[in-house]
């Protein structure tokens, strides 16, 4: 058939809204494909370098976390711990050759003038 008629087998050009929708879909598919490639590349690099989740878990399980040990309180610290008001308390220690006097707890009475 020669001489095309208005009702030819060729379809009309799609509207601008349809073209925008198609471009959006193609763009989303491209972004998803790039993300998938990045995830697969990361997984393969970790697998070949031996640093997967299993290797990390095994590395942390073999090295136990050290637990801090508490330092025992000195006699002066023990006295301050038992004070009724630690803000006004003071532990007085005596040092010198032959002195065996244990520390003493002294408190300051607030509001009273000391001379």
PDB file of N, CA and C in Angstrom:
ATOM      1  N   UNK A   1       0.818  -1.172   0.000  1.00  0.00           N
ATOM      2  CA  UNK A   1       0.000   0.000   0.000  1.00  0.00           C
ATOM      3  C   UNK A   1       0.869   1.244   0.000  1.00  0.00           C
ATOM      4  N   UNK A   2       0.675   1.949  -0.984  1.00  0.00           N
ATOM      5  CA  UNK A   2       1.422   3.189  -1.069  1.00  0.00           C
ATOM      6  C   UNK A   2       0.502   4.346  -0.772  1.00  0.00           C
ATOM      7  N   UNK A   3       1.110   5.472  -0.371  1.00  0.00           N
ATOM      8  CA  UNK A   3       0.292   6.636  -0.045  1.00  0.00           C
ATOM      9  C   UNK A   3      -0.388   6.408   1.283  1.00  0.00           C
ATOM     10  N   UNK A   4       0.241   6.770   2.354  1.00  0.00           N
ATOM     11  CA  UNK A   4      -0.266   6.490   3.693  1.00  0.00           C
ATOM     12  C   UNK A   4      -1.551   7.198   3.995  1.00  0.00           C
ATOM     13  N   UNK A   5      -2.431   6.491   4.620  1.00  0.00           N
ATOM     14  CA  UNK A   5      -3.697   7.082   5.031  1.00  0.00           C
ATOM     15  C   UNK A   5      -3.569   7.587   6.462  1.00  0.00           C
ATOM     16  N   UNK A   6      -4.463   8.424   6.941  1.00  0.00           N
ATOM     17  CA  UNK A   6      -4.383   8.938   8.306  1.00  0.00           C
ATOM     18  C   UNK A   6      -4.470   7.834   9.343  1.00  0.00           C
ATOM     19  N   UNK A   7      -4.996   6.711   9.030  1.00  0.00           N
ATOM     20  CA  UNK A   7      -5.077   5.601   9.983  1.00  0.00           C
ATOM     21  C   UNK A   7      -4.022   4.569   9.663  1.00  0.00           C
ATOM     22  N   UNK A   8      -2.788   4.983   9.583  1.00  0.00           N
ATOM     23  CA  UNK A   8      -1.712   4.050   9.272  1.00  0.00           C
ATOM     24  C   UNK A   8      -1.403   3.201  10.494  1.00  0.00           C
ATOM     25  N   UNK A   9      -0.578   2.179  10.310  1.00  0.00           N
ATOM     26  CA  UNK A   9      -0.246   1.252  11.386  1.00  0.00           C
ATOM     27  C   UNK A   9       0.732   1.865  12.386  1.00  0.00           C
ATOM     28  N   UNK A  10       1.335   2.980  12.050  1.00  0.00           N
ATOM     29  CA  UNK A  10       2.245   3.651  12.972  1.00  0.00           C
ATOM     30  C   UNK A  10       1.454   4.348  14.051  1.00  0.00           C
ATOM     31  N   UNK A  11       1.926   4.181  15.318  1.00  0.00           N
ATOM     32  CA  UNK A  11       1.193   4.804  16.418  1.00  0.00           C
ATOM     33  C   UNK A  11       1.612   6.259  16.559  1.00  0.00           C
ATOM     34  N   UNK A  12       0.777   7.005  17.188  1.00  0.00           N
ATOM     35  CA  UNK A  12       1.050   8.430  17.396  1.00  0.00           C
ATOM     36  C   UNK A  12       2.124   8.583  18.460  1.00  0.00           C
ATOM     37  N   UNK A  13       2.799   9.704  18.479  1.00  0.00           N
ATOM     38  CA  UNK A  13       3.847   9.998  19.464  1.00  0.00           C
ATOM     39  C   UNK A  13       3.198  10.122  20.840  1.00  0.00           C
ATOM     40  N   UNK A  14       3.817   9.515  21.894  1.00  0.00           N
ATOM     41  CA  UNK A  14       3.228   9.591  23.228  1.00  0.00           C
ATOM     42  C   UNK A  14       3.262  11.017  23.774  1.00  0.00           C
ATOM     43  N   UNK A  15       2.393  11.276  24.708  1.00  0.00           N
ATOM     44  CA  UNK A  15       2.298  12.619  25.286  1.00  0.00           C
ATOM     45  C   UNK A  15       3.526  12.909  26.156  1.00  0.00           C
ATOM     46  N   UNK A  16       3.825  14.187  26.441  1.00  0.00           N
ATOM     47  CA  UNK A  16       4.982  14.534  27.277  1.00  0.00           C
ATOM     48  C   UNK A  16       4.903  13.909  28.679  1.00  0.00           C
ATOM     49  N   UNK A  17       3.710  13.742  29.223  1.00  0.00           N
ATOM     50  CA  UNK A  17       3.568  13.124  30.551  1.00  0.00           C
ATOM     51  C   UNK A  17       4.007  11.664  30.509  1.00  0.00           C
ATOM     52  N   UNK A  18       3.673  10.962  29.455  1.00  0.00           N
ATOM     53  CA  UNK A  18       4.069   9.561  29.315  1.00  0.00           C
ATOM     54  C   UNK A  18       5.579   9.468  29.149  1.00  0.00           C
ATOM     55  N   UNK A  19       6.149  10.374  28.388  1.00  0.00           N
ATOM     56  CA  UNK A  19       7.605  10.376  28.182  1.00  0.00           C
ATOM     57  C   UNK A  19       8.322  10.626  29.500  1.00  0.00           C
ATOM     58  N   UNK A  20       7.836  11.611  30.292  1.00  0.00           N
ATOM     59  CA  UNK A  20       8.449  11.878  31.603  1.00  0.00           C
ATOM     60  C   UNK A  20       8.353  10.659  32.517  1.00  0.00           C
ATOM     61  N   UNK A  21       7.205  10.007  32.518  1.00  0.00           N
ATOM     62  CA  UNK A  21       7.020   8.817  33.358  1.00  0.00           C
ATOM     63  C   UNK A  21       7.982   7.709  32.941  1.00  0.00           C
ATOM     64  N   UNK A  22       8.146   7.517  31.655  1.00  0.00           N
ATOM     65  CA  UNK A  22       9.073   6.479  31.172  1.00  0.00           C
ATOM     66  C   UNK A  22      10.515   6.816  31.559  1.00  0.00           C
ATOM     67  N   UNK A  23      10.896   8.082  31.436  1.00  0.00           N
ATOM     68  CA  UNK A  23      12.247   8.494  31.816  1.00  0.00           C
ATOM     69  C   UNK A  23      12.472   8.288  33.314  1.00  0.00           C
ATOM     70  N   UNK A  24      11.463   8.585  34.120  1.00  0.00           N
ATOM     71  CA  UNK A  24      11.572   8.387  35.564  1.00  0.00           C
ATOM     72  C   UNK A  24      11.764   6.911  35.891  1.00  0.00           C
ATOM     73  N   UNK A  25      11.005   6.054  35.248  1.00  0.00           N
ATOM     74  CA  UNK A  25      11.119   4.609  35.487  1.00  0.00           C
ATOM     75  C   UNK A  25      12.495   4.106  35.061  1.00  0.00           C
ATOM     76  N   UNK A  26      12.970   4.547  33.895  1.00  0.00           N
ATOM     77  CA  UNK A  26      14.292   4.128  33.424  1.00  0.00           C
ATOM     78  C   UNK A  26      15.376   4.635  34.377  1.00  0.00           C
ATOM     79  N   UNK A  27      15.244   5.857  34.876  1.00  0.00           N
ATOM     80  CA  UNK A  27      16.208   6.405  35.827  1.00  0.00           C
ATOM     81  C   UNK A  27      16.228   5.618  37.125  1.00  0.00           C
ATOM     82  N   UNK A  28      15.057   5.271  37.658  1.00  0.00           N
ATOM     83  CA  UNK A  28      14.990   4.472  38.882  1.00  0.00           C
ATOM     84  C   UNK A  28      15.614   3.094  38.689  1.00  0.00           C
ATOM     85  N   UNK A  29      15.348   2.491  37.564  1.00  0.00           N
ATOM     86  CA  UNK A  29      15.934   1.176  37.285  1.00  0.00           C
ATOM     87  C   UNK A  29      17.458   1.295  37.216  1.00  0.00           C
ATOM     88  N   UNK A  30      17.969   2.370  36.622  1.00  0.00           N
ATOM     89  CA  UNK A  30      19.425   2.558  36.529  1.00  0.00           C
ATOM     90  C   UNK A  30      20.036   2.745  37.912  1.00  0.00           C
ATOM     91  N   UNK A  31      19.391   3.545  38.765  1.00  0.00           N
ATOM     92  CA  UNK A  31      19.905   3.759  40.116  1.00  0.00           C
ATOM     93  C   UNK A  31      19.893   2.454  40.903  1.00  0.00           C
ATOM     94  N   UNK A  32      18.825   1.687  40.814  1.00  0.00           N
ATOM     95  CA  UNK A  32      18.755   0.405  41.512  1.00  0.00           C
ATOM     96  C   UNK A  32      19.810  -0.572  40.995  1.00  0.00           C
ATOM     97  N   UNK A  33      20.061  -0.553  39.705  1.00  0.00           N
ATOM     98  CA  UNK A  33      21.082  -1.446  39.150  1.00  0.00           C
ATOM     99  C   UNK A  33      22.471  -1.061  39.664  1.00  0.00           C
ATOM    100  N   UNK A  34      22.758   0.236  39.745  1.00  0.00           N
ATOM    101  CA  UNK A  34      24.055   0.683  40.263  1.00  0.00           C
ATOM    102  C   UNK A  34      24.210   0.304  41.725  1.00  0.00           C
ATOM    103  N   UNK A  35      23.139   0.464  42.520  1.00  0.00           N
ATOM    104  CA  UNK A  35      23.187   0.101  43.939  1.00  0.00           C
ATOM    105  C   UNK A  35      23.408  -1.398  44.096  1.00  0.00           C
ATOM    106  N   UNK A  36      22.754  -2.193  43.289  1.00  0.00           N
ATOM    107  CA  UNK A  36      22.920  -3.643  43.351  1.00  0.00           C
ATOM    108  C   UNK A  36      24.355  -4.041  43.010  1.00  0.00           C
ATOM    109  N   UNK A  37      24.930  -3.413  42.014  1.00  0.00           N
ATOM    110  CA  UNK A  37      26.319  -3.709  41.642  1.00  0.00           C
ATOM    111  C   UNK A  37      27.258  -3.331  42.790  1.00  0.00           C
ATOM    112  N   UNK A  38      27.007  -2.190  43.444  1.00  0.00           N
ATOM    113  CA  UNK A  38      27.854  -1.761  44.561  1.00  0.00           C
ATOM    114  C   UNK A  38      27.764  -2.742  45.721  1.00  0.00           C
ATOM    115  N   UNK A  39      26.567  -3.212  46.041  1.00  0.00           N
ATOM    116  CA  UNK A  39      26.394  -4.175  47.136  1.00  0.00           C
ATOM    117  C   UNK A  39      27.096  -5.485  46.802  1.00  0.00           C
ATOM    118  N   UNK A  40      26.925  -5.960  45.596  1.00  0.00           N
ATOM    119  CA  UNK A  40      27.575  -7.215  45.200  1.00  0.00           C
ATOM    120  C   UNK A  40      29.098  -7.071  45.207  1.00  0.00           C
ATOM    121  N   UNK A  41      29.601  -5.920  44.795  1.00  0.00           N
ATOM    122  CA  UNK A  41      31.052  -5.704  44.806  1.00  0.00           C
ATOM    123  C   UNK A  41      31.576  -5.687  46.244  1.00  0.00           C
ATOM    124  N   UNK A  42      30.842  -5.052  47.153  1.00  0.00           N
ATOM    125  CA  UNK A  42      31.256  -5.014  48.553  1.00  0.00           C
ATOM    126  C   UNK A  42      31.271  -6.410  49.156  1.00  0.00           C
ATOM    127  N   UNK A  43      30.253  -7.174  48.879  1.00  0.00           N
ATOM    128  CA  UNK A  43      30.177  -8.547  49.412  1.00  0.00           C
ATOM    129  C   UNK A  43      31.324  -9.391  48.868  1.00  0.00           C
ATOM    130  N   UNK A  44      31.601  -9.268  47.585  1.00  0.00           N
ATOM    131  CA  UNK A  44      32.669 -10.089  47.007  1.00  0.00           C
ATOM    132  C   UNK A  44      34.039  -9.663  47.530  1.00  0.00           C
ATOM    133  N   UNK A  45      34.270  -8.367  47.723  1.00  0.00           N
ATOM    134  CA  UNK A  45      35.557  -7.912  48.252  1.00  0.00           C
ATOM    135  C   UNK A  45      35.742  -8.432  49.672  1.00  0.00           C
ATOM    136  N   UNK A  46      34.694  -8.359  50.494  1.00  0.00           N
ATOM    137  CA  UNK A  46      34.794  -8.878  51.870  1.00  0.00           C
ATOM    138  C   UNK A  46      35.019 -10.384  51.883  1.00  0.00           C
ATOM    139  N   UNK A  47      34.371 -11.088  50.980  1.00  0.00           N
ATOM    140  CA  UNK A  47      34.510 -12.546  50.949  1.00  0.00           C
ATOM    141  C   UNK A  47      35.937 -12.940  50.539  1.00  0.00           C
ATOM    142  N   UNK A  48      36.503 -12.241  49.569  1.00  0.00           N
ATOM    143  CA  UNK A  48      37.836 -12.594  49.108  1.00  0.00           C
ATOM    144  C   UNK A  48      38.931 -12.117  50.051  1.00  0.00           C
ATOM    145  N   UNK A  49      38.655 -11.071  50.820  1.00  0.00           N
ATOM    146  CA  UNK A  49      39.674 -10.586  51.761  1.00  0.00           C
ATOM    147  C   UNK A  49      39.578 -11.286  53.104  1.00  0.00           C
ATOM    148  N   UNK A  50      38.584 -12.119  53.287  1.00  0.00           N
ATOM    149  CA  UNK A  50      38.437 -12.868  54.533  1.00  0.00           C
ATOM    150  C   UNK A  50      37.840 -12.049  55.658  1.00  0.00           C
ATOM    151  N   UNK A  51      37.217 -10.930  55.365  1.00  0.00           N
ATOM    152  CA  UNK A  51      36.665 -10.072  56.400  1.00  0.00           C
ATOM    153  C   UNK A  51      35.162 -10.053  56.402  1.00  0.00           C
ATOM    154  N   UNK A  52      34.529 -11.192  56.393  1.00  0.00           N
ATOM    155  CA  UNK A  52      33.079 -11.250  56.456  1.00  0.00           C
ATOM    156  C   UNK A  52      32.584 -11.207  57.881  1.00  0.00           C
ATOM    157  N   UNK A  53      31.270 -11.297  58.083  1.00  0.00           N
ATOM    158  CA  UNK A  53      30.730 -11.285  59.433  1.00  0.00           C
ATOM    159  C   UNK A  53      31.219 -12.448  60.281  1.00  0.00           C
ATOM    160  N   UNK A  54      31.444 -13.600  59.652  1.00  0.00           N
ATOM    161  CA  UNK A  54      31.914 -14.764  60.416  1.00  0.00           C
ATOM    162  C   UNK A  54      33.330 -14.525  60.932  1.00  0.00           C
ATOM    163  N   UNK A  55      34.186 -13.918  60.099  1.00  0.00           N
ATOM    164  CA  UNK A  55      35.562 -13.659  60.510  1.00  0.00           C
ATOM    165  C   UNK A  55      35.602 -12.603  61.613  1.00  0.00           C
ATOM    166  N   UNK A  56      34.742 -11.586  61.509  1.00  0.00           N
ATOM    167  CA  UNK A  56      34.699 -10.553  62.546  1.00  0.00           C
ATOM    168  C   UNK A  56      34.224 -11.129  63.862  1.00  0.00           C
ATOM    169  N   UNK A  57      33.190 -11.962  63.791  1.00  0.00           N
ATOM    170  CA  UNK A  57      32.663 -12.558  65.020  1.00  0.00           C
ATOM    171  C   UNK A  57      33.684 -13.496  65.647  1.00  0.00           C
ATOM    172  N   UNK A  58      34.401 -14.232  64.817  1.00  0.00           N
ATOM    173  CA  UNK A  58      35.415 -15.135  65.352  1.00  0.00           C
ATOM    174  C   UNK A  58      36.564 -14.347  65.968  1.00  0.00           C
ATOM    175  N   UNK A  59      36.912 -13.208  65.364  1.00  0.00           N
ATOM    176  CA  UNK A  59      37.999 -12.392  65.893  1.00  0.00           C
ATOM    177  C   UNK A  59      37.658 -11.797  67.245  1.00  0.00           C
ATOM    178  N   UNK A  60      36.418 -11.393  67.446  1.00  0.00           N
ATOM    179  CA  UNK A  60      36.048 -10.809  68.726  1.00  0.00           C
ATOM    180  C   UNK A  60      35.825 -11.877  69.781  1.00  0.00           C
ATOM    181  N   UNK A  61      35.440 -13.081  69.367  1.00  0.00           N
ATOM    182  CA  UNK A  61      35.185 -14.135  70.342  1.00  0.00           C
ATOM    183  C   UNK A  61      36.498 -14.686  70.905  1.00  0.00           C
ATOM    184  N   UNK A  62      37.563 -14.673  70.110  1.00  0.00           N
ATOM    185  CA  UNK A  62      38.814 -15.245  70.577  1.00  0.00           C
ATOM    186  C   UNK A  62      39.559 -14.310  71.528  1.00  0.00           C
ATOM    187  N   UNK A  63      39.291 -13.007  71.437  1.00  0.00           N
ATOM    188  CA  UNK A  63      39.955 -12.046  72.307  1.00  0.00           C
ATOM    189  C   UNK A  63      38.947 -11.525  73.319  1.00  0.00           C
ATOM    190  N   UNK A  64      38.998 -12.006  74.552  1.00  0.00           N
ATOM    191  CA  UNK A  64      38.017 -11.537  75.531  1.00  0.00           C
ATOM    192  C   UNK A  64      38.279 -10.091  75.928  1.00  0.00           C
ATOM    193  N   UNK A  65      37.227  -9.390  76.232  1.00  0.00           N
ATOM    194  CA  UNK A  65      37.345  -8.003  76.672  1.00  0.00           C
ATOM    195  C   UNK A  65      37.805  -7.990  78.122  1.00  0.00           C
ATOM    196  N   UNK A  66      38.877  -7.275  78.418  1.00  0.00           N
ATOM    197  CA  UNK A  66      39.350  -7.245  79.804  1.00  0.00           C
ATOM    198  C   UNK A  66      38.361  -6.502  80.684  1.00  0.00           C
ATOM    199  N   UNK A  67      38.157  -7.019  81.879  1.00  0.00           N
ATOM    200  CA  UNK A  67      37.257  -6.394  82.830  1.00  0.00           C
ATOM    201  C   UNK A  67      38.084  -5.582  83.818  1.00  0.00           C
ATOM    202  N   UNK A  68      37.675  -4.351  84.064  1.00  0.00           N
ATOM    203  CA  UNK A  68      38.451  -3.538  84.998  1.00  0.00           C
ATOM    204  C   UNK A  68      38.332  -4.080  86.416  1.00  0.00           C
ATOM    205  N   UNK A  69      39.431  -4.047  87.110  1.00  0.00           N
ATOM    206  CA  UNK A  69      39.416  -4.484  88.505  1.00  0.00           C
ATOM    207  C   UNK A  69      39.334  -3.256  89.383  1.00  0.00           C
ATOM    208  N   UNK A  70      38.552  -3.356  90.431  1.00  0.00           N
ATOM    209  CA  UNK A  70      38.403  -2.204  91.304  1.00  0.00           C
ATOM    210  C   UNK A  70      39.588  -2.126  92.263  1.00  0.00           C
ATOM    211  N   UNK A  71      40.041  -0.921  92.479  1.00  0.00           N
ATOM    212  CA  UNK A  71      41.145  -0.680  93.396  1.00  0.00           C
ATOM    213  C   UNK A  71      40.561  -0.575  94.804  1.00  0.00           C
ATOM    214  N   UNK A  72      41.133  -1.276  95.759  1.00  0.00           N
ATOM    215  CA  UNK A  72      40.588  -1.184  97.117  1.00  0.00           C
ATOM    216  C   UNK A  72      40.744   0.231  97.671  1.00  0.00           C
ATOM    217  N   UNK A  73      39.774   0.633  98.485  1.00  0.00           N
ATOM    218  CA  UNK A  73      39.812   1.970  99.076  1.00  0.00           C
ATOM    219  C   UNK A  73      40.865   2.043 100.171  1.00  0.00           C
ATOM    220  N   UNK A  74      41.503   3.183 100.265  1.00  0.00           N
ATOM    221  CA  UNK A  74      42.452   3.412 101.357  1.00  0.00           C
ATOM    222  C   UNK A  74      41.647   3.645 102.637  1.00  0.00           C
ATOM    223  N   UNK A  75      42.275   3.548 103.798  1.00  0.00           N
ATOM    224  CA  UNK A  75      41.543   3.811 105.040  1.00  0.00           C
ATOM    225  C   UNK A  75      40.911   5.206 105.067  1.00  0.00           C
ATOM    226  N   UNK A  76      41.591   6.207 104.517  1.00  0.00           N
ATOM    227  CA  UNK A  76      41.027   7.559 104.486  1.00  0.00           C
ATOM    228  C   UNK A  76      39.799   7.610 103.577  1.00  0.00           C
ATOM    229  N   UNK A  77      39.841   6.938 102.432  1.00  0.00           N
ATOM    230  CA  UNK A  77      38.699   6.903 101.526  1.00  0.00           C
ATOM    231  C   UNK A  77      37.524   6.162 102.148  1.00  0.00           C
ATOM    232  N   UNK A  78      37.811   5.113 102.920  1.00  0.00           N
ATOM    233  CA  UNK A  78      36.745   4.386 103.598  1.00  0.00           C
ATOM    234  C   UNK A  78      36.047   5.287 104.613  1.00  0.00           C
ATOM    235  N   UNK A  79      36.823   6.097 105.342  1.00  0.00           N
ATOM    236  CA  UNK A  79      36.224   7.022 106.301  1.00  0.00           C
ATOM    237  C   UNK A  79      35.322   8.037 105.592  1.00  0.00           C
ATOM    238  N   UNK A  80      35.797   8.594 104.489  1.00  0.00           N
ATOM    239  CA  UNK A  80      34.997   9.575 103.756  1.00  0.00           C
ATOM    240  C   UNK A  80      33.734   8.967 103.168  1.00  0.00           C
ATOM    241  N   UNK A  81      33.811   7.711 102.794  1.00  0.00           N
ATOM    242  CA  UNK A  81      32.644   7.022 102.230  1.00  0.00           C
ATOM    243  C   UNK A  81      31.553   6.875 103.281  1.00  0.00           C
ATOM    244  N   UNK A  82      31.946   6.707 104.545  1.00  0.00           N
ATOM    245  CA  UNK A  82      30.960   6.509 105.609  1.00  0.00           C
ATOM    246  C   UNK A  82      30.504   7.829 106.238  1.00  0.00           C
ATOM    247  N   UNK A  83      31.031   8.952 105.797  1.00  0.00           N
ATOM    248  CA  UNK A  83      30.664  10.245 106.389  1.00  0.00           C
ATOM    249  C   UNK A  83      29.224  10.593 106.059  1.00  0.00           C
ATOM    250  N   UNK A  84      28.552  11.248 107.012  1.00  0.00           N
ATOM    251  CA  UNK A  84      27.162  11.643 106.806  1.00  0.00           C
ATOM    252  C   UNK A  84      27.052  12.686 105.693  1.00  0.00           C
ATOM    253  N   UNK A  85      27.950  13.644 105.669  1.00  0.00           N
ATOM    254  CA  UNK A  85      27.960  14.687 104.646  1.00  0.00           C
ATOM    255  C   UNK A  85      29.383  14.788 104.075  1.00  0.00           C
ATOM    256  N   UNK A  86      29.670  14.069 102.987  1.00  0.00           N
ATOM    257  CA  UNK A  86      31.030  14.067 102.441  1.00  0.00           C
ATOM    258  C   UNK A  86      31.508  15.450 101.999  1.00  0.00           C
ATOM    259  N   UNK A  87      30.591  16.383 101.746  1.00  0.00           N
ATOM    260  CA  UNK A  87      30.995  17.716 101.300  1.00  0.00           C
ATOM    261  C   UNK A  87      31.684  18.487 102.418  1.00  0.00           C
ATOM    262  N   UNK A  88      31.369  18.183 103.659  1.00  0.00           N
ATOM    263  CA  UNK A  88      31.972  18.909 104.787  1.00  0.00           C
ATOM    264  C   UNK A  88      32.951  18.043 105.560  1.00  0.00           C
ATOM    265  N   UNK A  89      33.277  16.858 105.034  1.00  0.00           N
ATOM    266  CA  UNK A  89      34.160  15.940 105.752  1.00  0.00           C
ATOM    267  C   UNK A  89      35.563  15.972 105.181  1.00  0.00           C
ATOM    268  N   UNK A  90      36.516  15.617 106.038  1.00  0.00           N
ATOM    269  CA  UNK A  90      37.919  15.573 105.648  1.00  0.00           C
ATOM    270  C   UNK A  90      38.573  14.437 106.418  1.00  0.00           C
ATOM    271  N   UNK A  91      39.352  13.630 105.738  1.00  0.00           N
ATOM    272  CA  UNK A  91      40.086  12.558 106.406  1.00  0.00           C
ATOM    273  C   UNK A  91      41.489  13.059 106.688  1.00  0.00           C
ATOM    274  N   UNK A  92      41.872  13.021 107.950  1.00  0.00           N
ATOM    275  CA  UNK A  92      43.202  13.491 108.360  1.00  0.00           C
ATOM    276  C   UNK A  92      44.064  12.268 108.625  1.00  0.00           C
ATOM    277  N   UNK A  93      45.186  12.189 107.905  1.00  0.00           N
ATOM    278  CA  UNK A  93      46.118  11.071 108.082  1.00  0.00           C
ATOM    279  C   UNK A  93      47.381  11.585 108.765  1.00  0.00           C
ATOM    280  N   UNK A  94      48.000  10.723 109.554  1.00  0.00           N
ATOM    281  CA  UNK A  94      49.232  11.068 110.258  1.00  0.00           C
ATOM    282  C   UNK A  94      50.358  10.231 109.672  1.00  0.00           C
ATOM    283  N   UNK A  95      51.447  10.885 109.330  1.00  0.00           N
ATOM    284  CA  UNK A  95      52.575  10.181 108.746  1.00  0.00           C
ATOM    285  C   UNK A  95      53.843  10.532 109.509  1.00  0.00           C
ATOM    286  N   UNK A  96      54.674   9.574 109.661  1.00  0.00           N
ATOM    287  CA  UNK A  96      55.939   9.796 110.336  1.00  0.00           C
ATOM    288  C   UNK A  96      56.484   8.486 110.863  1.00  0.00           C
ATOM    289  N   UNK A  97      57.724   8.501 111.248  1.00  0.00           N
ATOM    290  CA  UNK A  97      58.360   7.284 111.743  1.00  0.00           C
ATOM    291  C   UNK A  97      57.772   6.906 113.103  1.00  0.00           C
ATOM    292  N   UNK A  98      57.309   5.682 113.196  1.00  0.00           N
ATOM    293  CA  UNK A  98      56.763   5.171 114.446  1.00  0.00           C
ATOM    294  C   UNK A  98      55.329   5.567 114.719  1.00  0.00           C
ATOM    295  N   UNK A  99      54.654   6.291 113.820  1.00  0.00           N
ATOM    296  CA  UNK A  99      53.255   6.684 114.023  1.00  0.00           C
ATOM    297  C   UNK A  99      52.368   5.580 113.494  1.00  0.00           C
ATOM    298  N   UNK A 100      51.485   5.064 114.331  1.00  0.00           N
ATOM    299  CA  UNK A 100      50.562   4.002 113.932  1.00  0.00           C
ATOM    300  C   UNK A 100      49.120   4.462 114.048  1.00  0.00           C
ATOM    301  N   UNK A 101      48.910   5.744 114.206  1.00  0.00           N
ATOM    302  CA  UNK A 101      47.560   6.308 114.356  1.00  0.00           C
ATOM    303  C   UNK A 101      46.805   6.171 113.029  1.00  0.00           C
ATOM    304  N   UNK A 102      45.603   5.589 113.038  1.00  0.00           N
ATOM    305  CA  UNK A 102      44.820   5.488 111.795  1.00  0.00           C
ATOM    306  C   UNK A 102      44.259   6.866 111.427  1.00  0.00           C
ATOM    307  N   UNK A 103      43.795   7.038 110.191  1.00  0.00           N
ATOM    308  CA  UNK A 103      43.211   8.310 109.781  1.00  0.00           C
ATOM    309  C   UNK A 103      41.981   8.641 110.622  1.00  0.00           C
ATOM    310  N   UNK A 104      41.729   9.932 110.779  1.00  0.00           N
ATOM    311  CA  UNK A 104      40.573  10.386 111.556  1.00  0.00           C
ATOM    312  C   UNK A 104      39.662  11.199 110.643  1.00  0.00           C
ATOM    313  N   UNK A 105      38.362  11.117 110.895  1.00  0.00           N
ATOM    314  CA  UNK A 105      37.386  11.866 110.122  1.00  0.00           C
ATOM    315  C   UNK A 105      37.095  13.169 110.847  1.00  0.00           C
ATOM    316  N   UNK A 106      37.261  14.282 110.153  1.00  0.00           N
ATOM    317  CA  UNK A 106      36.966  15.609 110.698  1.00  0.00           C
ATOM    318  C   UNK A 106      35.880  16.228 109.833  1.00  0.00           C
ATOM    319  N   UNK A 107      34.921  16.887 110.463  1.00  0.00           N
ATOM    320  CA  UNK A 107      33.869  17.546 109.715  1.00  0.00           C
ATOM    321  C   UNK A 107      33.835  19.014 110.064  1.00  0.00           C
ATOM    322  N   UNK A 108      33.377  19.803 109.132  1.00  0.00           N
ATOM    323  CA  UNK A 108      33.244  21.247 109.344  1.00  0.00           C
ATOM    324  C   UNK A 108      31.778  21.553 109.526  1.00  0.00           C
ATOM    325  N   UNK A 109      31.477  22.308 110.541  1.00  0.00           N
ATOM    326  CA  UNK A 109      30.099  22.713 110.768  1.00  0.00           C
ATOM    327  C   UNK A 109      29.898  24.021 110.052  1.00  0.00           C
ATOM    328  N   UNK A 110      29.007  23.991 109.111  1.00  0.00           N
ATOM    329  CA  UNK A 110      28.759  25.167 108.274  1.00  0.00           C
ATOM    330  C   UNK A 110      27.943  26.187 109.077  1.00  0.00           C
ATOM    331  N   UNK A 111      28.334  27.453 108.960  1.00  0.00           N
ATOM    332  CA  UNK A 111      27.622  28.506 109.659  1.00  0.00           C
ATOM    333  C   UNK A 111      28.290  28.906 110.954  1.00  0.00           C
ATOM    334  N   UNK A 112      29.249  28.177 111.388  1.00  0.00           N
ATOM    335  CA  UNK A 112      29.958  28.475 112.622  1.00  0.00           C
ATOM    336  C   UNK A 112      31.321  29.030 112.295  1.00  0.00           C
ATOM    337  N   UNK A 113      31.683  30.126 112.914  1.00  0.00           N
ATOM    338  CA  UNK A 113      32.976  30.750 112.660  1.00  0.00           C
ATOM    339  C   UNK A 113      34.057  29.994 113.379  1.00  0.00           C
ATOM    340  N   UNK A 114      35.171  29.717 112.686  1.00  0.00           N
ATOM    341  CA  UNK A 114      36.308  29.028 113.305  1.00  0.00           C
ATOM    342  C   UNK A 114      37.394  30.053 113.579  1.00  0.00           C
ATOM    343  N   UNK A 115      37.956  29.968 114.745  1.00  0.00           N
ATOM    344  CA  UNK A 115      39.014  30.906 115.103  1.00  0.00           C
ATOM    345  C   UNK A 115      40.307  30.190 115.315  1.00  0.00           C
TER     346      UNK A 115
END
